[in-house]
Amino acid sequence: LSVKLDDPSFPAPIYATLTEVEGEDGYQLIWSRPNRD
């Protein structure tokens, strides 16, 4: 599952990905916000 959170009040969009962890019973959330130059 991947989402992009974008709002005029944010300095840059936030990207988030929820992935299943291999070999484990769970998920991991990875998020990033690129630098806006």
Protein backbone atom coordinates (compact mmCIF):
# COMPACT_ATOMS: atom_id res chain seq x y z
CA LEU A 1 0.00 0.00 0.00
CA SER A 2 1.41 3.39 -0.99
CA VAL A 3 -0.03 6.84 -0.38
CA LYS A 4 0.94 10.43 -1.10
CA LEU A 5 -0.21 13.04 1.41
CA ASP A 6 -0.22 16.48 -0.15
CA ASP A 7 -1.75 19.61 1.29
CA PRO A 8 -1.07 23.30 0.61
CA SER A 9 -0.07 23.71 4.26
CA PHE A 10 2.76 21.12 3.89
CA PRO A 11 6.14 22.37 2.65
CA ALA A 12 6.38 19.19 0.51
CA PRO A 13 4.26 16.06 0.00
CA ILE A 14 4.73 13.06 2.29
CA TYR A 15 5.04 9.62 0.71
CA ALA A 16 4.27 6.52 2.79
CA THR A 17 4.48 2.80 1.98
CA LEU A 18 3.21 -0.05 4.14
CA THR A 19 4.97 -3.34 3.37
CA GLU A 20 4.86 -6.82 4.86
CA VAL A 21 8.05 -7.84 6.67
CA GLU A 22 9.47 -11.05 5.18
CA GLY A 23 9.82 -13.89 7.67
CA GLU A 24 7.88 -12.05 10.37
CA ASP A 25 4.25 -11.58 11.31
CA GLY A 26 3.98 -7.84 10.80
CA TYR A 27 4.30 -4.78 8.61
CA GLN A 28 6.65 -1.86 8.32
CA LEU A 29 5.76 1.72 7.49
CA ILE A 30 8.32 3.65 5.46
CA TRP A 31 7.75 7.35 4.93
CA SER A 32 9.70 10.14 3.32
CA ARG A 33 9.41 13.81 2.56
CA PRO A 34 11.68 15.14 -0.17
CA ASN A 35 13.50 18.41 0.44
CA ARG A 36 11.99 21.30 -1.43
CA ASP A 37 14.66 23.58 -2.86
